Amino acid sequence: MYDIAERAEFIAKGQKVYEKLKGELEPAHEGEIVAIHPQSGDHFLGKSLNVADEKAFAKYPDQWLYFVRIGSPEATLPLKTW
């Protein structure tokens, strides 16, 4: 992915975008997954990681996104779309 400092910056940007979105996403989408493209702020919802990834991949193929389980911001994962 990135070196440690870049990874930390990527995660921080993803968290910042999630914080801006959580009022809109919670509680209507509690438990769903949101894929966030931190650089643009674009986000993609899905009932599962796979669905959120498919939506994100359509716009951002083979790019790193920040995935969050809505309502559980400690459940995060930076992944490359596949």
PDB file of N, CA and C in Angstrom:
ATOM      1  N   MET A   1       0.839  -1.184   0.000  1.00  0.00           N
ATOM      2  CA  MET A   1       0.000   0.000   0.000  1.00  0.00           C
ATOM      3  C   MET A   1       0.879   1.241   0.000  1.00  0.00           C
ATOM      4  N   TYR A   2       1.087   1.797   1.128  1.00  0.00           N
ATOM      5  CA  TYR A   2       1.897   2.990   1.318  1.00  0.00           C
ATOM      6  C   TYR A   2       2.910   2.674   2.410  1.00  0.00           C
ATOM      7  N   ASP A   3       3.839   3.604   2.654  1.00  0.00           N
ATOM      8  CA  ASP A   3       4.693   3.425   3.818  1.00  0.00           C
ATOM      9  C   ASP A   3       3.855   3.755   5.063  1.00  0.00           C
ATOM     10  N   ILE A   4       4.406   3.567   6.225  1.00  0.00           N
ATOM     11  CA  ILE A   4       3.653   3.707   7.473  1.00  0.00           C
ATOM     12  C   ILE A   4       3.054   5.108   7.620  1.00  0.00           C
ATOM     13  N   ALA A   5       3.811   6.131   7.321  1.00  0.00           N
ATOM     14  CA  ALA A   5       3.307   7.504   7.458  1.00  0.00           C
ATOM     15  C   ALA A   5       2.177   7.779   6.463  1.00  0.00           C
ATOM     16  N   GLU A   6       2.332   7.313   5.228  1.00  0.00           N
ATOM     17  CA  GLU A   6       1.290   7.513   4.217  1.00  0.00           C
ATOM     18  C   GLU A   6       0.034   6.735   4.572  1.00  0.00           C
ATOM     19  N   ARG A   7       0.213   5.536   5.096  1.00  0.00           N
ATOM     20  CA  ARG A   7      -0.941   4.723   5.512  1.00  0.00           C
ATOM     21  C   ARG A   7      -1.692   5.421   6.640  1.00  0.00           C
ATOM     22  N   ALA A   8      -0.974   5.961   7.608  1.00  0.00           N
ATOM     23  CA  ALA A   8      -1.607   6.672   8.723  1.00  0.00           C
ATOM     24  C   ALA A   8      -2.364   7.897   8.211  1.00  0.00           C
ATOM     25  N   GLU A   9      -1.783   8.607   7.265  1.00  0.00           N
ATOM     26  CA  GLU A   9      -2.443   9.776   6.683  1.00  0.00           C
ATOM     27  C   GLU A   9      -3.700   9.372   5.918  1.00  0.00           C
ATOM     28  N   PHE A  10      -3.620   8.273   5.159  1.00  0.00           N
ATOM     29  CA  PHE A  10      -4.763   7.756   4.416  1.00  0.00           C
ATOM     30  C   PHE A  10      -5.901   7.409   5.370  1.00  0.00           C
ATOM     31  N   ILE A  11      -5.580   6.704   6.450  1.00  0.00           N
ATOM     32  CA  ILE A  11      -6.589   6.319   7.435  1.00  0.00           C
ATOM     33  C   ILE A  11      -7.193   7.555   8.096  1.00  0.00           C
ATOM     34  N   ALA A  12      -6.366   8.523   8.445  1.00  0.00           N
ATOM     35  CA  ALA A  12      -6.865   9.755   9.068  1.00  0.00           C
ATOM     36  C   ALA A  12      -7.822  10.496   8.133  1.00  0.00           C
ATOM     37  N   LYS A  13      -7.493  10.558   6.844  1.00  0.00           N
ATOM     38  CA  LYS A  13      -8.379  11.201   5.875  1.00  0.00           C
ATOM     39  C   LYS A  13      -9.697  10.443   5.767  1.00  0.00           C
ATOM     40  N   GLY A  14      -9.620   9.113   5.738  1.00  0.00           N
ATOM     41  CA  GLY A  14     -10.834   8.295   5.679  1.00  0.00           C
ATOM     42  C   GLY A  14     -11.705   8.510   6.901  1.00  0.00           C
ATOM     43  N   GLN A  15     -11.098   8.566   8.069  1.00  0.00           N
ATOM     44  CA  GLN A  15     -11.850   8.805   9.303  1.00  0.00           C
ATOM     45  C   GLN A  15     -12.508  10.178   9.286  1.00  0.00           C
ATOM     46  N   LYS A  16     -11.813  11.174   8.782  1.00  0.00           N
ATOM     47  CA  LYS A  16     -12.350  12.532   8.721  1.00  0.00           C
ATOM     48  C   LYS A  16     -13.585  12.577   7.812  1.00  0.00           C
ATOM     49  N   VAL A  17     -13.507  11.903   6.670  1.00  0.00           N
ATOM     50  CA  VAL A  17     -14.654  11.864   5.762  1.00  0.00           C
ATOM     51  C   VAL A  17     -15.810  11.128   6.434  1.00  0.00           C
ATOM     52  N   TYR A  18     -15.519  10.010   7.111  1.00  0.00           N
ATOM     53  CA  TYR A  18     -16.586   9.271   7.790  1.00  0.00           C
ATOM     54  C   TYR A  18     -17.257  10.139   8.847  1.00  0.00           C
ATOM     55  N   GLU A  19     -16.492  10.888   9.595  1.00  0.00           N
ATOM     56  CA  GLU A  19     -17.062  11.764  10.620  1.00  0.00           C
ATOM     57  C   GLU A  19     -18.039  12.761  10.011  1.00  0.00           C
ATOM     58  N   LYS A  20     -17.734  13.270   8.818  1.00  0.00           N
ATOM     59  CA  LYS A  20     -18.628  14.204   8.132  1.00  0.00           C
ATOM     60  C   LYS A  20     -19.900  13.506   7.654  1.00  0.00           C
ATOM     61  N   LEU A  21     -19.782  12.229   7.292  1.00  0.00           N
ATOM     62  CA  LEU A  21     -20.908  11.481   6.728  1.00  0.00           C
ATOM     63  C   LEU A  21     -21.783  10.796   7.770  1.00  0.00           C
ATOM     64  N   LYS A  22     -21.256  10.560   8.958  1.00  0.00           N
ATOM     65  CA  LYS A  22     -21.968   9.676   9.880  1.00  0.00           C
ATOM     66  C   LYS A  22     -23.341  10.186  10.284  1.00  0.00           C
ATOM     67  N   GLY A  23     -23.554  11.498  10.345  1.00  0.00           N
ATOM     68  CA  GLY A  23     -24.885  12.014  10.647  1.00  0.00           C
ATOM     69  C   GLY A  23     -25.904  11.628   9.588  1.00  0.00           C
ATOM     70  N   GLU A  24     -25.447  11.579   8.345  1.00  0.00           N
ATOM     71  CA  GLU A  24     -26.295  11.185   7.223  1.00  0.00           C
ATOM     72  C   GLU A  24     -26.503   9.660   7.192  1.00  0.00           C
ATOM     73  N   LEU A  25     -25.460   8.914   7.554  1.00  0.00           N
ATOM     74  CA  LEU A  25     -25.491   7.453   7.412  1.00  0.00           C
ATOM     75  C   LEU A  25     -26.095   6.727   8.613  1.00  0.00           C
ATOM     76  N   GLU A  26     -25.859   7.254   9.806  1.00  0.00           N
ATOM     77  CA  GLU A  26     -26.378   6.618  11.010  1.00  0.00           C
ATOM     78  C   GLU A  26     -27.696   7.282  11.367  1.00  0.00           C
ATOM     79  N   PRO A  27     -28.720   6.647  11.837  1.00  0.00           N
ATOM     80  CA  PRO A  27     -28.878   5.213  12.026  1.00  0.00           C
ATOM     81  C   PRO A  27     -29.509   4.488  10.839  1.00  0.00           C
ATOM     82  N   ALA A  28     -29.838   5.219   9.760  1.00  0.00           N
ATOM     83  CA  ALA A  28     -30.545   4.614   8.627  1.00  0.00           C
ATOM     84  C   ALA A  28     -29.803   3.437   8.004  1.00  0.00           C
ATOM     85  N   HIS A  29     -28.479   3.417   8.099  1.00  0.00           N
ATOM     86  CA  HIS A  29     -27.686   2.363   7.449  1.00  0.00           C
ATOM     87  C   HIS A  29     -26.822   1.605   8.459  1.00  0.00           C
ATOM     88  N   GLU A  30     -27.226   1.620   9.705  1.00  0.00           N
ATOM     89  CA  GLU A  30     -26.482   0.937  10.782  1.00  0.00           C
ATOM     90  C   GLU A  30     -26.125  -0.490  10.369  1.00  0.00           C
ATOM     91  N   GLY A  31     -24.854  -0.836  10.510  1.00  0.00           N
ATOM     92  CA  GLY A  31     -24.391  -2.191  10.214  1.00  0.00           C
ATOM     93  C   GLY A  31     -23.973  -2.407   8.775  1.00  0.00           C
ATOM     94  N   GLU A  32     -24.337  -1.492   7.886  1.00  0.00           N
ATOM     95  CA  GLU A  32     -23.920  -1.618   6.493  1.00  0.00           C
ATOM     96  C   GLU A  32     -22.469  -1.168   6.364  1.00  0.00           C
ATOM     97  N   ILE A  33     -21.921  -1.327   5.175  1.00  0.00           N
ATOM     98  CA  ILE A  33     -20.537  -0.947   4.904  1.00  0.00           C
ATOM     99  C   ILE A  33     -20.529   0.280   4.004  1.00  0.00           C
ATOM    100  N   VAL A  34     -19.648   1.219   4.315  1.00  0.00           N
ATOM    101  CA  VAL A  34     -19.417   2.352   3.426  1.00  0.00           C
ATOM    102  C   VAL A  34     -17.957   2.302   2.994  1.00  0.00           C
ATOM    103  N   ALA A  35     -17.762   2.417   1.681  1.00  0.00           N
ATOM    104  CA  ALA A  35     -16.421   2.504   1.107  1.00  0.00           C
ATOM    105  C   ALA A  35     -16.178   3.977   0.802  1.00  0.00           C
ATOM    106  N   ILE A  36     -15.087   4.508   1.330  1.00  0.00           N
ATOM    107  CA  ILE A  36     -14.786   5.927   1.190  1.00  0.00           C
ATOM    108  C   ILE A  36     -13.499   6.110   0.388  1.00  0.00           C
ATOM    109  N   HIS A  37     -13.577   6.983  -0.604  1.00  0.00           N
ATOM    110  CA  HIS A  37     -12.390   7.394  -1.349  1.00  0.00           C
ATOM    111  C   HIS A  37     -11.930   8.688  -0.693  1.00  0.00           C
ATOM    112  N   PRO A  38     -10.944   8.623   0.208  1.00  0.00           N
ATOM    113  CA  PRO A  38     -10.573   9.788   1.013  1.00  0.00           C
ATOM    114  C   PRO A  38     -10.153  11.016   0.215  1.00  0.00           C
ATOM    115  N   GLN A  39      -9.547  10.824  -0.930  1.00  0.00           N
ATOM    116  CA  GLN A  39      -9.060  11.960  -1.701  1.00  0.00           C
ATOM    117  C   GLN A  39     -10.215  12.805  -2.247  1.00  0.00           C
ATOM    118  N   SER A  40     -11.301  12.163  -2.650  1.00  0.00           N
ATOM    119  CA  SER A  40     -12.425  12.883  -3.252  1.00  0.00           C
ATOM    120  C   SER A  40     -13.587  13.079  -2.294  1.00  0.00           C
ATOM    121  N   GLY A  41     -13.681  12.211  -1.291  1.00  0.00           N
ATOM    122  CA  GLY A  41     -14.826  12.234  -0.398  1.00  0.00           C
ATOM    123  C   GLY A  41     -15.990  11.399  -0.911  1.00  0.00           C
ATOM    124  N   ASP A  42     -15.845  10.820  -2.108  1.00  0.00           N
ATOM    125  CA  ASP A  42     -16.891   9.947  -2.639  1.00  0.00           C
ATOM    126  C   ASP A  42     -17.067   8.753  -1.708  1.00  0.00           C
ATOM    127  N   HIS A  43     -18.317   8.271  -1.621  1.00  0.00           N
ATOM    128  CA  HIS A  43     -18.566   7.104  -0.777  1.00  0.00           C
ATOM    129  C   HIS A  43     -19.618   6.216  -1.436  1.00  0.00           C
ATOM    130  N   PHE A  44     -19.569   4.936  -1.074  1.00  0.00           N
ATOM    131  CA  PHE A  44     -20.401   3.921  -1.700  1.00  0.00           C
ATOM    132  C   PHE A  44     -20.931   2.996  -0.609  1.00  0.00           C
ATOM    133  N   LEU A  45     -22.247   2.850  -0.552  1.00  0.00           N
ATOM    134  CA  LEU A  45     -22.883   2.014   0.476  1.00  0.00           C
ATOM    135  C   LEU A  45     -23.145   0.609  -0.037  1.00  0.00           C
ATOM    136  N   GLY A  46     -23.111  -0.340   0.886  1.00  0.00           N
ATOM    137  CA  GLY A  46     -23.469  -1.710   0.565  1.00  0.00           C
ATOM    138  C   GLY A  46     -23.875  -2.461   1.814  1.00  0.00           C
ATOM    139  N   LYS A  47     -24.741  -3.446   1.648  1.00  0.00           N
ATOM    140  CA  LYS A  47     -25.146  -4.285   2.777  1.00  0.00           C
ATOM    141  C   LYS A  47     -23.996  -5.197   3.209  1.00  0.00           C
ATOM    142  N   SER A  48     -23.007  -5.352   2.320  1.00  0.00           N
ATOM    143  CA  SER A  48     -21.833  -6.174   2.635  1.00  0.00           C
ATOM    144  C   SER A  48     -20.591  -5.496   2.067  1.00  0.00           C
ATOM    145  N   LEU A  49     -19.430  -5.973   2.490  1.00  0.00           N
ATOM    146  CA  LEU A  49     -18.162  -5.453   1.984  1.00  0.00           C
ATOM    147  C   LEU A  49     -18.090  -5.635   0.475  1.00  0.00           C
ATOM    148  N   ASN A  50     -18.529  -6.779   0.000  1.00  0.00           N
ATOM    149  CA  ASN A  50     -18.466  -7.075  -1.426  1.00  0.00           C
ATOM    150  C   ASN A  50     -19.314  -6.099  -2.244  1.00  0.00           C
ATOM    151  N   VAL A  51     -20.517  -5.794  -1.774  1.00  0.00           N
ATOM    152  CA  VAL A  51     -21.401  -4.882  -2.506  1.00  0.00           C
ATOM    153  C   VAL A  51     -20.814  -3.469  -2.524  1.00  0.00           C
ATOM    154  N   ALA A  52     -20.339  -2.987  -1.377  1.00  0.00           N
ATOM    155  CA  ALA A  52     -19.723  -1.655  -1.321  1.00  0.00           C
ATOM    156  C   ALA A  52     -18.502  -1.601  -2.242  1.00  0.00           C
ATOM    157  N   ASP A  53     -17.717  -2.672  -2.248  1.00  0.00           N
ATOM    158  CA  ASP A  53     -16.535  -2.721  -3.105  1.00  0.00           C
ATOM    159  C   ASP A  53     -16.910  -2.703  -4.579  1.00  0.00           C
ATOM    160  N   GLU A  54     -17.933  -3.452  -4.962  1.00  0.00           N
ATOM    161  CA  GLU A  54     -18.351  -3.480  -6.367  1.00  0.00           C
ATOM    162  C   GLU A  54     -18.730  -2.081  -6.845  1.00  0.00           C
ATOM    163  N   LYS A  55     -19.463  -1.357  -6.014  1.00  0.00           N
ATOM    164  CA  LYS A  55     -19.866   0.004  -6.372  1.00  0.00           C
ATOM    165  C   LYS A  55     -18.643   0.916  -6.479  1.00  0.00           C
ATOM    166  N   ALA A  56     -17.735   0.810  -5.525  1.00  0.00           N
ATOM    167  CA  ALA A  56     -16.536   1.639  -5.527  1.00  0.00           C
ATOM    168  C   ALA A  56     -15.636   1.299  -6.717  1.00  0.00           C
ATOM    169  N   PHE A  57     -15.514   0.006  -7.015  1.00  0.00           N
ATOM    170  CA  PHE A  57     -14.658  -0.444  -8.111  1.00  0.00           C
ATOM    171  C   PHE A  57     -15.113   0.132  -9.449  1.00  0.00           C
ATOM    172  N   ALA A  58     -16.425   0.305  -9.613  1.00  0.00           N
ATOM    173  CA  ALA A  58     -16.952   0.841 -10.870  1.00  0.00           C
ATOM    174  C   ALA A  58     -16.386   2.231 -11.158  1.00  0.00           C
ATOM    175  N   LYS A  59     -16.128   3.000 -10.120  1.00  0.00           N
ATOM    176  CA  LYS A  59     -15.577   4.348 -10.305  1.00  0.00           C
ATOM    177  C   LYS A  59     -14.081   4.405 -10.045  1.00  0.00           C
ATOM    178  N   TYR A  60     -13.611   3.594  -9.111  1.00  0.00           N
ATOM    179  CA  TYR A  60     -12.204   3.635  -8.694  1.00  0.00           C
ATOM    180  C   TYR A  60     -11.579   2.238  -8.765  1.00  0.00           C
ATOM    181  N   PRO A  61     -11.398   1.691  -9.966  1.00  0.00           N
ATOM    182  CA  PRO A  61     -10.810   0.348 -10.058  1.00  0.00           C
ATOM    183  C   PRO A  61      -9.367   0.335  -9.559  1.00  0.00           C
ATOM    184  N   ASP A  62      -9.067  -0.685  -8.770  1.00  0.00           N
ATOM    185  CA  ASP A  62      -7.710  -0.921  -8.275  1.00  0.00           C
ATOM    186  C   ASP A  62      -7.129   0.255  -7.496  1.00  0.00           C
ATOM    187  N   GLN A  63      -7.979   0.956  -6.761  1.00  0.00           N
ATOM    188  CA  GLN A  63      -7.508   2.035  -5.907  1.00  0.00           C
ATOM    189  C   GLN A  63      -7.807   1.692  -4.452  1.00  0.00           C
ATOM    190  N   TRP A  64      -7.056   2.292  -3.552  1.00  0.00           N
ATOM    191  CA  TRP A  64      -7.260   2.072  -2.126  1.00  0.00           C
ATOM    192  C   TRP A  64      -8.443   2.895  -1.644  1.00  0.00           C
ATOM    193  N   LEU A  65      -9.314   2.246  -0.880  1.00  0.00           N
ATOM    194  CA  LEU A  65     -10.442   2.907  -0.256  1.00  0.00           C
ATOM    195  C   LEU A  65     -10.460   2.562   1.220  1.00  0.00           C
ATOM    196  N   TYR A  66     -11.190   3.344   1.961  1.00  0.00           N
ATOM    197  CA  TYR A  66     -11.318   3.178   3.403  1.00  0.00           C
ATOM    198  C   TYR A  66     -12.717   2.629   3.658  1.00  0.00           C
ATOM    199  N   PHE A  67     -12.799   1.421   4.181  1.00  0.00           N
ATOM    200  CA  PHE A  67     -14.077   0.756   4.425  1.00  0.00           C
ATOM    201  C   PHE A  67     -14.414   0.826   5.912  1.00  0.00           C
ATOM    202  N   VAL A  68     -15.684   1.157   6.204  1.00  0.00           N
ATOM    203  CA  VAL A  68     -16.143   1.286   7.587  1.00  0.00           C
ATOM    204  C   VAL A  68     -17.486   0.581   7.730  1.00  0.00           C
ATOM    205  N   ARG A  69     -17.643  -0.146   8.835  1.00  0.00           N
ATOM    206  CA  ARG A  69     -18.969  -0.665   9.183  1.00  0.00           C
ATOM    207  C   ARG A  69     -19.690   0.481   9.884  1.00  0.00           C
ATOM    208  N   ILE A  70     -20.789   0.932   9.308  1.00  0.00           N
ATOM    209  CA  ILE A  70     -21.510   2.099   9.815  1.00  0.00           C
ATOM    210  C   ILE A  70     -22.026   1.821  11.227  1.00  0.00           C
ATOM    211  N   GLY A  71     -21.735   2.755  12.102  1.00  0.00           N
ATOM    212  CA  GLY A  71     -22.103   2.611  13.505  1.00  0.00           C
ATOM    213  C   GLY A  71     -21.011   1.976  14.340  1.00  0.00           C
ATOM    214  N   SER A  72     -19.980   1.470  13.693  1.00  0.00           N
ATOM    215  CA  SER A  72     -18.842   0.850  14.375  1.00  0.00           C
ATOM    216  C   SER A  72     -17.557   1.398  13.764  1.00  0.00           C
ATOM    217  N   PRO A  73     -17.270   2.673  13.977  1.00  0.00           N
ATOM    218  CA  PRO A  73     -16.113   3.265  13.297  1.00  0.00           C
ATOM    219  C   PRO A  73     -14.774   2.644  13.684  1.00  0.00           C
ATOM    220  N   GLU A  74     -14.760   1.823  14.738  1.00  0.00           N
ATOM    221  CA  GLU A  74     -13.525   1.106  15.055  1.00  0.00           C
ATOM    222  C   GLU A  74     -13.336  -0.095  14.132  1.00  0.00           C
ATOM    223  N   ALA A  75     -14.405  -0.480  13.418  1.00  0.00           N
ATOM    224  CA  ALA A  75     -14.336  -1.589  12.466  1.00  0.00           C
ATOM    225  C   ALA A  75     -14.029  -1.009  11.086  1.00  0.00           C
ATOM    226  N   THR A  76     -12.746  -0.727  10.845  1.00  0.00           N
ATOM    227  CA  THR A  76     -12.324  -0.104   9.597  1.00  0.00           C
ATOM    228  C   THR A  76     -11.275  -0.965   8.911  1.00  0.00           C
ATOM    229  N   LEU A  77     -11.131  -0.714   7.615  1.00  0.00           N
ATOM    230  CA  LEU A  77     -10.178  -1.497   6.857  1.00  0.00           C
ATOM    231  C   LEU A  77      -9.787  -0.756   5.583  1.00  0.00           C
ATOM    232  N   PRO A  78      -8.516  -0.408   5.434  1.00  0.00           N
ATOM    233  CA  PRO A  78      -8.098   0.140   4.144  1.00  0.00           C
ATOM    234  C   PRO A  78      -7.837  -1.032   3.194  1.00  0.00           C
ATOM    235  N   LEU A  79      -8.502  -1.028   2.052  1.00  0.00           N
ATOM    236  CA  LEU A  79      -8.351  -2.104   1.071  1.00  0.00           C
ATOM    237  C   LEU A  79      -8.300  -1.527  -0.328  1.00  0.00           C
ATOM    238  N   LYS A  80      -7.632  -2.244  -1.204  1.00  0.00           N
ATOM    239  CA  LYS A  80      -7.626  -1.900  -2.618  1.00  0.00           C
ATOM    240  C   LYS A  80      -8.882  -2.513  -3.229  1.00  0.00           C
ATOM    241  N   THR A  81      -9.599  -1.757  -4.054  1.00  0.00           N
ATOM    242  CA  THR A  81     -10.804  -2.316  -4.694  1.00  0.00           C
ATOM    243  C   THR A  81     -10.393  -3.490  -5.569  1.00  0.00           C
ATOM    244  N   TRP A  82     -11.267  -4.463  -5.654  1.00  0.00           N
ATOM    245  CA  TRP A  82     -10.947  -5.668  -6.427  1.00  0.00           C
ATOM    246  C   TRP A  82     -12.093  -6.084  -7.309  1.00  0.00           C
TER     247      TRP A  82
END
